[in-house]
Amino acid sequence: MSQIRRFFSRVINFLAWLVDSLRWRYFRFFPSRAGKIRREIPAAIGITTFLNRFEDHFKPLIEKLSFLFPGARIIVAANGSVLREEQQAYLERLQEFCRYFKNIELITYDEPRGLSHLWNRIMQQAGDESVLVLNDDLRLKTWFARFLCVSGILNEDIATINSSWSHFFISQKIFRLTGDFDEELREVGGEDDDYLARLALQGLKPAVYRCTAVARSRRKKTKGPQLNSFGKDMTTEAFGYSSGNTGYLMSKWEISDEYFEGAVEIPRTRHRFWKLRESRSAR
């Protein structure tokens, strides 16, 4: 029975996304109806991206966000790449595309930087505004803007959507209190767990909001390994994250599935208990 329920759940979910994709097309033909789904939000939107995501992921996401939130600042941090020539061509296409949107603030890099650095740069660019931070490989339903405005998430100091840091909300108050994301995490992976542990040291944890209007994209990947900005195939890295970042986390924190003296708990099912190693700061 459980397998049957999961099957029908997947079918219903697929049909829901299919119907909503038709709604997006509907608004193109009847722009006068668009006002019913558009919203103004008291926050900036931050997006990190890189060259492999430009056509299939970044462009569709920006078009939808600009449609849903016509007055919002969209701060885009485009990472660098070890592929020098491809990176320069990508940045030219990216800049040309972004010129069509008056609300995009573009930050670009030639050399690859860690995700922590990109998040910090977005938070600094936002000034006094809170930020909704999004991955570039997300798909959105037409009622995503309504969810943000009626759910209460924009009143939080820090919150995740569906318990994922692919889409989270953070205020400048929390950013100043907890500090920058740790830029010793020089590549990709572990930034969220490190920040969760640092929040826990202060007795804080993100609020969690559930929303079916946002999900990771299911667009088909090209054949062969998908390399990140550092030229690495993440499927061969430790735990699916940067091996360098994983090693750094292990050197900074004592981590266990079981409670041990002095540890704080973070909201996850494995590796729940964290404690700073001696001589380490929380930054």
C-alpha atoms as a PDB file:
ATOM      1  CA  MET A   1       0.000   0.000   0.000  1.00  0.00           C
ATOM      2  CA  SER A   2       2.791   2.430   0.827  1.00  0.00           C
ATOM      3  CA  GLN A   3       4.328   1.900  -2.624  1.00  0.00           C
ATOM      4  CA  ILE A   4       0.978   2.555  -4.265  1.00  0.00           C
ATOM      5  CA  ARG A   5       0.521   5.757  -2.255  1.00  0.00           C
ATOM      6  CA  ARG A   6       4.000   6.928  -3.213  1.00  0.00           C
ATOM      7  CA  PHE A   7       3.275   6.182  -6.862  1.00  0.00           C
ATOM      8  CA  PHE A   8       0.037   8.178  -6.878  1.00  0.00           C
ATOM      9  CA  SER A   9       1.716  10.959  -4.912  1.00  0.00           C
ATOM     10  CA  ARG A  10       4.411  11.239  -7.589  1.00  0.00           C
ATOM     11  CA  VAL A  11       1.769  11.235 -10.337  1.00  0.00           C
ATOM     12  CA  ILE A  12      -0.249  13.968  -8.617  1.00  0.00           C
ATOM     13  CA  ASN A  13       2.908  16.021  -8.058  1.00  0.00           C
ATOM     14  CA  PHE A  14       3.902  15.640 -11.722  1.00  0.00           C
ATOM     15  CA  LEU A  15       0.443  16.725 -12.888  1.00  0.00           C
ATOM     16  CA  ALA A  16       0.465  19.715 -10.530  1.00  0.00           C
ATOM     17  CA  TRP A  17       3.741  20.968 -12.011  1.00  0.00           C
ATOM     18  CA  LEU A  18       2.446  20.311 -15.525  1.00  0.00           C
ATOM     19  CA  VAL A  19      -0.722  22.326 -14.936  1.00  0.00           C
ATOM     20  CA  ASP A  20       1.265  25.164 -13.412  1.00  0.00           C
ATOM     21  CA  SER A  21       3.626  25.252 -16.389  1.00  0.00           C
ATOM     22  CA  LEU A  22       0.561  25.902 -18.536  1.00  0.00           C
ATOM     23  CA  ARG A  23      -0.425  28.743 -16.213  1.00  0.00           C
ATOM     24  CA  TRP A  24       2.923  30.442 -16.878  1.00  0.00           C
ATOM     25  CA  ARG A  25       2.162  30.346 -20.588  1.00  0.00           C
ATOM     26  CA  TYR A  26      -1.342  31.650 -19.943  1.00  0.00           C
ATOM     27  CA  PHE A  27      -0.018  34.807 -18.304  1.00  0.00           C
ATOM     28  CA  ARG A  28       2.105  35.539 -21.352  1.00  0.00           C
ATOM     29  CA  PHE A  29      -1.019  35.697 -23.497  1.00  0.00           C
ATOM     30  CA  PHE A  30      -3.136  37.504 -20.891  1.00  0.00           C
ATOM     31  CA  PRO A  31      -0.753  39.913 -19.117  1.00  0.00           C
ATOM     32  CA  SER A  32      -3.670  41.791 -17.534  1.00  0.00           C
ATOM     33  CA  ARG A  33      -4.185  38.757 -15.291  1.00  0.00           C
ATOM     34  CA  ALA A  34      -0.579  38.795 -14.077  1.00  0.00           C
ATOM     35  CA  GLY A  35      -1.311  41.297 -11.335  1.00  0.00           C
ATOM     36  CA  LYS A  36      -3.132  38.612  -9.382  1.00  0.00           C
ATOM     37  CA  ILE A  37       0.072  36.663  -8.752  1.00  0.00           C
ATOM     38  CA  ARG A  38       2.626  39.476  -8.475  1.00  0.00           C
ATOM     39  CA  ARG A  39       3.779  40.716  -5.079  1.00  0.00           C
ATOM     40  CA  GLU A  40       6.015  43.298  -3.456  1.00  0.00           C
ATOM     41  CA  ILE A  41       8.263  41.876  -0.746  1.00  0.00           C
ATOM     42  CA  PRO A  42      10.326  43.677   1.937  1.00  0.00           C
ATOM     43  CA  ALA A  43      13.508  41.795   1.070  1.00  0.00           C
ATOM     44  CA  ALA A  44      16.118  41.313  -1.605  1.00  0.00           C
ATOM     45  CA  ILE A  45      16.505  38.066  -3.536  1.00  0.00           C
ATOM     46  CA  GLY A  46      19.997  36.585  -3.759  1.00  0.00           C
ATOM     47  CA  ILE A  47      21.022  33.967  -6.339  1.00  0.00           C
ATOM     48  CA  THR A  48      24.343  32.183  -6.789  1.00  0.00           C
ATOM     49  CA  THR A  49      25.063  30.724 -10.205  1.00  0.00           C
ATOM     50  CA  PHE A  50      27.811  29.570 -12.552  1.00  0.00           C
ATOM     51  CA  LEU A  51      28.347  28.901 -16.236  1.00  0.00           C
ATOM     52  CA  ASN A  52      26.960  25.335 -16.448  1.00  0.00           C
ATOM     53  CA  ARG A  53      23.566  26.513 -15.190  1.00  0.00           C
ATOM     54  CA  PHE A  54      23.044  29.523 -17.467  1.00  0.00           C
ATOM     55  CA  GLU A  55      20.692  28.292 -20.194  1.00  0.00           C
ATOM     56  CA  ASP A  56      18.743  25.467 -18.556  1.00  0.00           C
ATOM     57  CA  HIS A  57      18.360  26.845 -15.041  1.00  0.00           C
ATOM     58  CA  PHE A  58      19.361  30.463 -14.448  1.00  0.00           C
ATOM     59  CA  LYS A  59      17.525  32.128 -17.325  1.00  0.00           C
ATOM     60  CA  PRO A  60      14.108  30.505 -16.672  1.00  0.00           C
ATOM     61  CA  LEU A  61      14.422  31.228 -12.943  1.00  0.00           C
ATOM     62  CA  ILE A  62      15.237  34.914 -13.469  1.00  0.00           C
ATOM     63  CA  GLU A  63      12.370  35.342 -15.897  1.00  0.00           C
ATOM     64  CA  LYS A  64       9.933  33.932 -13.351  1.00  0.00           C
ATOM     65  CA  LEU A  65      11.329  35.882 -10.396  1.00  0.00           C
ATOM     66  CA  SER A  66      11.262  39.155 -12.317  1.00  0.00           C
ATOM     67  CA  PHE A  67       7.676  38.416 -13.292  1.00  0.00           C
ATOM     68  CA  LEU A  68       6.556  37.543  -9.764  1.00  0.00           C
ATOM     69  CA  PHE A  69       8.478  40.294  -7.948  1.00  0.00           C
ATOM     70  CA  PRO A  70       8.762  43.248 -10.347  1.00  0.00           C
ATOM     71  CA  GLY A  71       9.982  45.635  -7.643  1.00  0.00           C
ATOM     72  CA  ALA A  72      12.422  43.372  -5.803  1.00  0.00           C
ATOM     73  CA  ARG A  73      16.183  43.700  -5.930  1.00  0.00           C
ATOM     74  CA  ILE A  74      17.684  40.525  -7.404  1.00  0.00           C
ATOM     75  CA  ILE A  75      21.342  40.208  -6.452  1.00  0.00           C
ATOM     76  CA  VAL A  76      23.146  37.679  -8.635  1.00  0.00           C
ATOM     77  CA  ALA A  77      26.593  36.360  -7.711  1.00  0.00           C
ATOM     78  CA  ALA A  78      28.040  34.561 -10.753  1.00  0.00           C
ATOM     79  CA  ASN A  79      30.957  32.381  -9.742  1.00  0.00           C
ATOM     80  CA  GLY A  80      34.206  32.134 -11.669  1.00  0.00           C
ATOM     81  CA  SER A  81      35.529  29.003 -13.324  1.00  0.00           C
ATOM     82  CA  VAL A  82      38.758  27.161 -14.028  1.00  0.00           C
ATOM     83  CA  LEU A  83      37.654  27.179 -17.688  1.00  0.00           C
ATOM     84  CA  ARG A  84      39.045  30.595 -18.566  1.00  0.00           C
ATOM     85  CA  GLU A  85      37.844  31.028 -22.148  1.00  0.00           C
ATOM     86  CA  GLU A  86      34.413  29.531 -21.496  1.00  0.00           C
ATOM     87  CA  GLN A  87      34.064  31.776 -18.431  1.00  0.00           C
ATOM     88  CA  GLN A  88      34.697  34.971 -20.381  1.00  0.00           C
ATOM     89  CA  ALA A  89      32.171  33.984 -23.045  1.00  0.00           C
ATOM     90  CA  TYR A  90      29.679  33.070 -20.318  1.00  0.00           C
ATOM     91  CA  LEU A  91      30.082  36.418 -18.535  1.00  0.00           C
ATOM     92  CA  GLU A  92      29.411  38.282 -21.771  1.00  0.00           C
ATOM     93  CA  ARG A  93      26.193  36.317 -22.341  1.00  0.00           C
ATOM     94  CA  LEU A  94      25.201  36.741 -18.700  1.00  0.00           C
ATOM     95  CA  GLN A  95      25.703  40.501 -18.720  1.00  0.00           C
ATOM     96  CA  GLU A  96      23.783  40.856 -21.967  1.00  0.00           C
ATOM     97  CA  PHE A  97      20.884  38.824 -20.567  1.00  0.00           C
ATOM     98  CA  CYS A  98      20.766  40.706 -17.257  1.00  0.00           C
ATOM     99  CA  ARG A  99      20.603  44.090 -18.999  1.00  0.00           C
ATOM    100  CA  TYR A 100      16.999  43.294 -19.897  1.00  0.00           C
ATOM    101  CA  PHE A 101      16.051  43.340 -16.197  1.00  0.00           C
ATOM    102  CA  LYS A 102      16.291  46.673 -14.404  1.00  0.00           C
ATOM    103  CA  ASN A 103      16.141  45.110 -10.941  1.00  0.00           C
ATOM    104  CA  ILE A 104      19.203  42.810 -11.276  1.00  0.00           C
ATOM    105  CA  GLU A 105      22.438  43.684  -9.488  1.00  0.00           C
ATOM    106  CA  LEU A 106      25.187  41.524 -10.959  1.00  0.00           C
ATOM    107  CA  ILE A 107      28.381  40.463  -9.172  1.00  0.00           C
ATOM    108  CA  THR A 108      30.816  38.497 -11.322  1.00  0.00           C
ATOM    109  CA  TYR A 109      34.052  36.602 -10.800  1.00  0.00           C
ATOM    110  CA  ASP A 110      36.713  35.324 -13.155  1.00  0.00           C
ATOM    111  CA  GLU A 111      38.203  32.841 -10.678  1.00  0.00           C
ATOM    112  CA  PRO A 112      36.072  30.362  -8.694  1.00  0.00           C
ATOM    113  CA  ARG A 113      35.191  31.307  -5.134  1.00  0.00           C
ATOM    114  CA  GLY A 114      33.599  29.299  -2.338  1.00  0.00           C
ATOM    115  CA  LEU A 115      29.851  29.365  -1.820  1.00  0.00           C
ATOM    116  CA  SER A 116      30.394  30.967   1.607  1.00  0.00           C
ATOM    117  CA  HIS A 117      32.116  33.904  -0.071  1.00  0.00           C
ATOM    118  CA  LEU A 118      29.270  34.291  -2.583  1.00  0.00           C
ATOM    119  CA  TRP A 119      26.638  34.277   0.167  1.00  0.00           C
ATOM    120  CA  ASN A 120      28.634  36.838   2.160  1.00  0.00           C
ATOM    121  CA  ARG A 121      28.968  39.087  -0.871  1.00  0.00           C
ATOM    122  CA  ILE A 122      25.213  38.954  -1.479  1.00  0.00           C
ATOM    123  CA  MET A 123      24.476  39.813   2.156  1.00  0.00           C
ATOM    124  CA  GLN A 124      26.888  42.752   2.024  1.00  0.00           C
ATOM    125  CA  GLN A 125      25.392  43.994  -1.247  1.00  0.00           C
ATOM    126  CA  ALA A 126      21.894  43.851   0.266  1.00  0.00           C
ATOM    127  CA  GLY A 127      22.778  46.508   2.852  1.00  0.00           C
ATOM    128  CA  ASP A 128      20.043  46.690   5.480  1.00  0.00           C
ATOM    129  CA  GLU A 129      17.628  44.380   3.648  1.00  0.00           C
ATOM    130  CA  SER A 130      16.900  40.792   4.574  1.00  0.00           C
ATOM    131  CA  VAL A 131      17.608  38.311   1.798  1.00  0.00           C
ATOM    132  CA  LEU A 132      15.798  35.348   0.296  1.00  0.00           C
ATOM    133  CA  VAL A 133      18.724  33.222  -0.918  1.00  0.00           C
ATOM    134  CA  LEU A 134      17.976  30.810  -3.765  1.00  0.00           C
ATOM    135  CA  ASN A 135      19.891  28.200  -5.707  1.00  0.00           C
ATOM    136  CA  ASP A 136      19.891  28.749  -9.438  1.00  0.00           C
ATOM    137  CA  ASP A 137      18.491  25.281 -10.249  1.00  0.00           C
ATOM    138  CA  LEU A 138      15.013  25.807  -8.816  1.00  0.00           C
ATOM    139  CA  ARG A 139      11.605  25.669 -10.441  1.00  0.00           C
ATOM    140  CA  LEU A 140       8.741  27.789  -9.152  1.00  0.00           C
ATOM    141  CA  LYS A 141       4.985  27.596  -9.332  1.00  0.00           C
ATOM    142  CA  THR A 142       2.936  30.687 -10.030  1.00  0.00           C
ATOM    143  CA  TRP A 143       1.771  30.973  -6.405  1.00  0.00           C
ATOM    144  CA  PHE A 144       5.272  31.078  -4.921  1.00  0.00           C
ATOM    145  CA  ALA A 145       4.993  34.845  -4.396  1.00  0.00           C
ATOM    146  CA  ARG A 146       1.724  34.427  -2.519  1.00  0.00           C
ATOM    147  CA  PHE A 147       3.340  31.828  -0.268  1.00  0.00           C
ATOM    148  CA  LEU A 148       6.106  34.261   0.702  1.00  0.00           C
ATOM    149  CA  CYS A 149       3.648  36.998   1.543  1.00  0.00           C
ATOM    150  CA  VAL A 150       1.037  35.032   3.490  1.00  0.00           C
ATOM    151  CA  SER A 151       3.079  32.297   5.191  1.00  0.00           C
ATOM    152  CA  GLY A 152       4.871  34.577   7.660  1.00  0.00           C
ATOM    153  CA  ILE A 153       8.383  33.567   6.554  1.00  0.00           C
ATOM    154  CA  LEU A 154       9.284  37.189   5.766  1.00  0.00           C
ATOM    155  CA  ASN A 155       8.745  38.049   9.440  1.00  0.00           C
ATOM    156  CA  GLU A 156      11.364  35.541  10.583  1.00  0.00           C
ATOM    157  CA  ASP A 157      15.006  36.310  11.322  1.00  0.00           C
ATOM    158  CA  ILE A 158      16.140  33.081   9.688  1.00  0.00           C
ATOM    159  CA  ALA A 159      14.120  30.321   8.055  1.00  0.00           C
ATOM    160  CA  THR A 160      14.380  27.545   5.513  1.00  0.00           C
ATOM    161  CA  ILE A 161      11.828  26.305   3.021  1.00  0.00           C
ATOM    162  CA  ASN A 162      11.291  22.544   3.193  1.00  0.00           C
ATOM    163  CA  SER A 163      14.294  22.286   5.558  1.00  0.00           C
ATOM    164  CA  SER A 164      16.645  22.985   2.642  1.00  0.00           C
ATOM    165  CA  TRP A 165      19.347  25.637   2.289  1.00  0.00           C
ATOM    166  CA  SER A 166      18.685  25.662  -1.439  1.00  0.00           C
ATOM    167  CA  HIS A 167      16.119  28.286  -0.456  1.00  0.00           C
ATOM    168  CA  PHE A 168      16.431  30.128   2.840  1.00  0.00           C
ATOM    169  CA  PHE A 169      15.600  33.506   4.324  1.00  0.00           C
ATOM    170  CA  ILE A 170      18.039  35.437   6.504  1.00  0.00           C
ATOM    171  CA  SER A 171      17.857  38.862   8.129  1.00  0.00           C
ATOM    172  CA  GLN A 172      20.753  41.252   8.532  1.00  0.00           C
ATOM    173  CA  LYS A 173      20.158  41.026  12.280  1.00  0.00           C
ATOM    174  CA  ILE A 174      21.034  37.310  12.286  1.00  0.00           C
ATOM    175  CA  PHE A 175      23.892  37.840   9.833  1.00  0.00           C
ATOM    176  CA  ARG A 176      25.457  40.434  12.130  1.00  0.00           C
ATOM    177  CA  LEU A 177      24.806  38.354  15.254  1.00  0.00           C
ATOM    178  CA  THR A 178      26.137  35.044  13.919  1.00  0.00           C
ATOM    179  CA  GLY A 179      28.727  36.511  11.590  1.00  0.00           C
ATOM    180  CA  ASP A 180      29.784  35.847   8.015  1.00  0.00           C
ATOM    181  CA  PHE A 181      29.555  32.416   6.477  1.00  0.00           C
ATOM    182  CA  ASP A 182      32.934  30.781   7.054  1.00  0.00           C
ATOM    183  CA  GLU A 183      35.123  31.478   4.020  1.00  0.00           C
ATOM    184  CA  GLU A 184      37.605  28.819   5.091  1.00  0.00           C
ATOM    185  CA  LEU A 185      35.028  26.616   3.376  1.00  0.00           C
ATOM    186  CA  ARG A 186      36.740  27.437   0.120  1.00  0.00           C
ATOM    187  CA  GLU A 187      34.643  25.375  -2.276  1.00  0.00           C
ATOM    188  CA  VAL A 188      31.081  24.026  -2.063  1.00  0.00           C
ATOM    189  CA  GLY A 189      29.451  22.038   0.742  1.00  0.00           C
ATOM    190  CA  GLY A 190      28.961  22.209   4.496  1.00  0.00           C
ATOM    191  CA  GLU A 191      28.195  25.932   4.670  1.00  0.00           C
ATOM    192  CA  ASP A 192      24.699  25.247   5.990  1.00  0.00           C
ATOM    193  CA  ASP A 193      25.767  22.744   8.656  1.00  0.00           C
ATOM    194  CA  ASP A 194      28.513  25.052   9.880  1.00  0.00           C
ATOM    195  CA  TYR A 195      26.055  27.938  10.168  1.00  0.00           C
ATOM    196  CA  LEU A 196      23.439  25.743  11.852  1.00  0.00           C
ATOM    197  CA  ALA A 197      26.003  24.730  14.479  1.00  0.00           C
ATOM    198  CA  ARG A 198      27.001  28.348  15.040  1.00  0.00           C
ATOM    199  CA  LEU A 199      23.351  29.308  15.416  1.00  0.00           C
ATOM    200  CA  ALA A 200      22.877  26.454  17.887  1.00  0.00           C
ATOM    201  CA  LEU A 201      25.750  27.796  20.002  1.00  0.00           C
ATOM    202  CA  GLN A 202      23.550  30.874  20.486  1.00  0.00           C
ATOM    203  CA  GLY A 203      20.444  28.830  21.206  1.00  0.00           C
ATOM    204  CA  LEU A 204      18.965  29.582  17.787  1.00  0.00           C
ATOM    205  CA  LYS A 205      17.657  27.492  14.922  1.00  0.00           C
ATOM    206  CA  PRO A 206      15.896  28.389  11.673  1.00  0.00           C
ATOM    207  CA  ALA A 207      12.142  28.274  11.411  1.00  0.00           C
ATOM    208  CA  VAL A 208      10.957  25.724   8.845  1.00  0.00           C
ATOM    209  CA  TYR A 209       8.215  26.466   6.313  1.00  0.00           C
ATOM    210  CA  ARG A 210       6.686  23.898   3.988  1.00  0.00           C
ATOM    211  CA  CYS A 211       5.916  24.867   0.418  1.00  0.00           C
ATOM    212  CA  THR A 212       5.121  22.807  -2.690  1.00  0.00           C
ATOM    213  CA  ALA A 213       5.572  25.818  -4.977  1.00  0.00           C
ATOM    214  CA  VAL A 214       9.355  25.430  -5.112  1.00  0.00           C
ATOM    215  CA  ALA A 215      11.500  22.405  -5.964  1.00  0.00           C
ATOM    216  CA  ARG A 216      14.804  21.443  -7.524  1.00  0.00           C
ATOM    217  CA  SER A 217      14.704  21.378 -11.300  1.00  0.00           C
ATOM    218  CA  ARG A 218      14.337  18.032 -13.041  1.00  0.00           C
ATOM    219  CA  ARG A 219      15.766  19.140 -16.357  1.00  0.00           C
ATOM    220  CA  LYS A 220      17.824  16.402 -17.958  1.00  0.00           C
ATOM    221  CA  LYS A 221      21.555  16.689 -17.492  1.00  0.00           C
ATOM    222  CA  THR A 222      23.949  16.478 -20.406  1.00  0.00           C
ATOM    223  CA  LYS A 223      25.883  13.272 -20.845  1.00  0.00           C
ATOM    224  CA  GLY A 224      29.109  12.880 -18.920  1.00  0.00           C
ATOM    225  CA  PRO A 225      30.159  14.284 -15.546  1.00  0.00           C
ATOM    226  CA  GLN A 226      28.777  17.658 -14.500  1.00  0.00           C
ATOM    227  CA  LEU A 227      31.725  19.683 -13.252  1.00  0.00           C
ATOM    228  CA  ASN A 228      31.441  22.566 -10.810  1.00  0.00           C
ATOM    229  CA  SER A 229      33.255  25.903 -10.986  1.00  0.00           C
ATOM    230  CA  PHE A 230      36.415  24.266  -9.654  1.00  0.00           C
ATOM    231  CA  GLY A 231      36.398  21.647 -12.408  1.00  0.00           C
ATOM    232  CA  LYS A 232      35.421  18.863 -10.006  1.00  0.00           C
ATOM    233  CA  ASP A 233      32.836  16.122 -10.395  1.00  0.00           C
ATOM    234  CA  MET A 234      30.947  16.343  -7.100  1.00  0.00           C
ATOM    235  CA  THR A 235      29.862  12.697  -7.343  1.00  0.00           C
ATOM    236  CA  THR A 236      33.470  11.708  -6.686  1.00  0.00           C
ATOM    237  CA  GLU A 237      33.956  14.074  -3.735  1.00  0.00           C
ATOM    238  CA  ALA A 238      33.485  13.106  -0.081  1.00  0.00           C
ATOM    239  CA  PHE A 239      29.782  12.730   0.796  1.00  0.00           C
ATOM    240  CA  GLY A 240      28.878  14.439  -2.489  1.00  0.00           C
ATOM    241  CA  TYR A 241      30.417  17.716  -1.289  1.00  0.00           C
ATOM    242  CA  SER A 242      33.857  19.226  -1.688  1.00  0.00           C
ATOM    243  CA  SER A 243      36.419  16.939  -0.062  1.00  0.00           C
ATOM    244  CA  GLY A 244      38.345  20.055   0.987  1.00  0.00           C
ATOM    245  CA  ASN A 245      35.304  21.538   2.709  1.00  0.00           C
ATOM    246  CA  THR A 246      34.562  18.235   4.411  1.00  0.00           C
ATOM    247  CA  GLY A 247      38.116  18.034   5.733  1.00  0.00           C
ATOM    248  CA  TYR A 248      37.931  21.578   7.045  1.00  0.00           C
ATOM    249  CA  LEU A 249      34.663  20.887   8.880  1.00  0.00           C
ATOM    250  CA  MET A 250      36.195  17.812  10.492  1.00  0.00           C
ATOM    251  CA  SER A 251      39.133  19.904  11.705  1.00  0.00           C
ATOM    252  CA  LYS A 252      36.865  22.670  13.062  1.00  0.00           C
ATOM    253  CA  TRP A 253      34.137  20.587  14.735  1.00  0.00           C
ATOM    254  CA  GLU A 254      33.720  17.356  16.635  1.00  0.00           C
ATOM    255  CA  ILE A 255      30.699  15.702  15.031  1.00  0.00           C
ATOM    256  CA  SER A 256      28.654  12.683  16.102  1.00  0.00           C
ATOM    257  CA  ASP A 257      25.310  10.956  15.603  1.00  0.00           C
ATOM    258  CA  GLU A 258      25.037  10.586  19.376  1.00  0.00           C
ATOM    259  CA  TYR A 259      25.055  13.287  22.028  1.00  0.00           C
ATOM    260  CA  PHE A 260      28.359  13.919  23.820  1.00  0.00           C
ATOM    261  CA  GLU A 261      29.315  16.397  26.512  1.00  0.00           C
ATOM    262  CA  GLY A 262      29.361  20.006  25.394  1.00  0.00           C
ATOM    263  CA  ALA A 263      27.795  19.324  21.996  1.00  0.00           C
ATOM    264  CA  VAL A 264      24.958  21.327  20.459  1.00  0.00           C
ATOM    265  CA  GLU A 265      22.253  19.756  18.319  1.00  0.00           C
ATOM    266  CA  ILE A 266      21.417  20.850  14.801  1.00  0.00           C
ATOM    267  CA  PRO A 267      18.175  19.926  12.987  1.00  0.00           C
ATOM    268  CA  ARG A 268      19.183  16.994  10.800  1.00  0.00           C
ATOM    269  CA  THR A 269      18.848  13.215  10.999  1.00  0.00           C
ATOM    270  CA  ARG A 270      22.557  12.308  10.846  1.00  0.00           C
ATOM    271  CA  HIS A 271      25.607  14.008  12.367  1.00  0.00           C
ATOM    272  CA  ARG A 272      23.287  15.927  14.680  1.00  0.00           C
ATOM    273  CA  PHE A 273      25.724  16.843  17.452  1.00  0.00           C
ATOM    274  CA  TRP A 274      28.497  19.386  16.994  1.00  0.00           C
ATOM    275  CA  LYS A 275      31.164  20.858  19.233  1.00  0.00           C
ATOM    276  CA  LEU A 276      33.924  23.299  18.385  1.00  0.00           C
ATOM    277  CA  ARG A 277      37.341  21.794  18.758  1.00  0.00           C
ATOM    278  CA  GLU A 278      39.710  23.478  21.172  1.00  0.00           C
ATOM    279  CA  SER A 279      41.429  26.631  19.845  1.00  0.00           C
ATOM    280  CA  ARG A 280      38.719  27.031  17.222  1.00  0.00           C
ATOM    281  CA  SER A 281      36.417  30.080  17.071  1.00  0.00           C
ATOM    282  CA  ALA A 282      32.829  29.919  15.900  1.00  0.00           C
ATOM    283  CA  ARG A 283      33.674  31.865  12.746  1.00  0.00           C
END
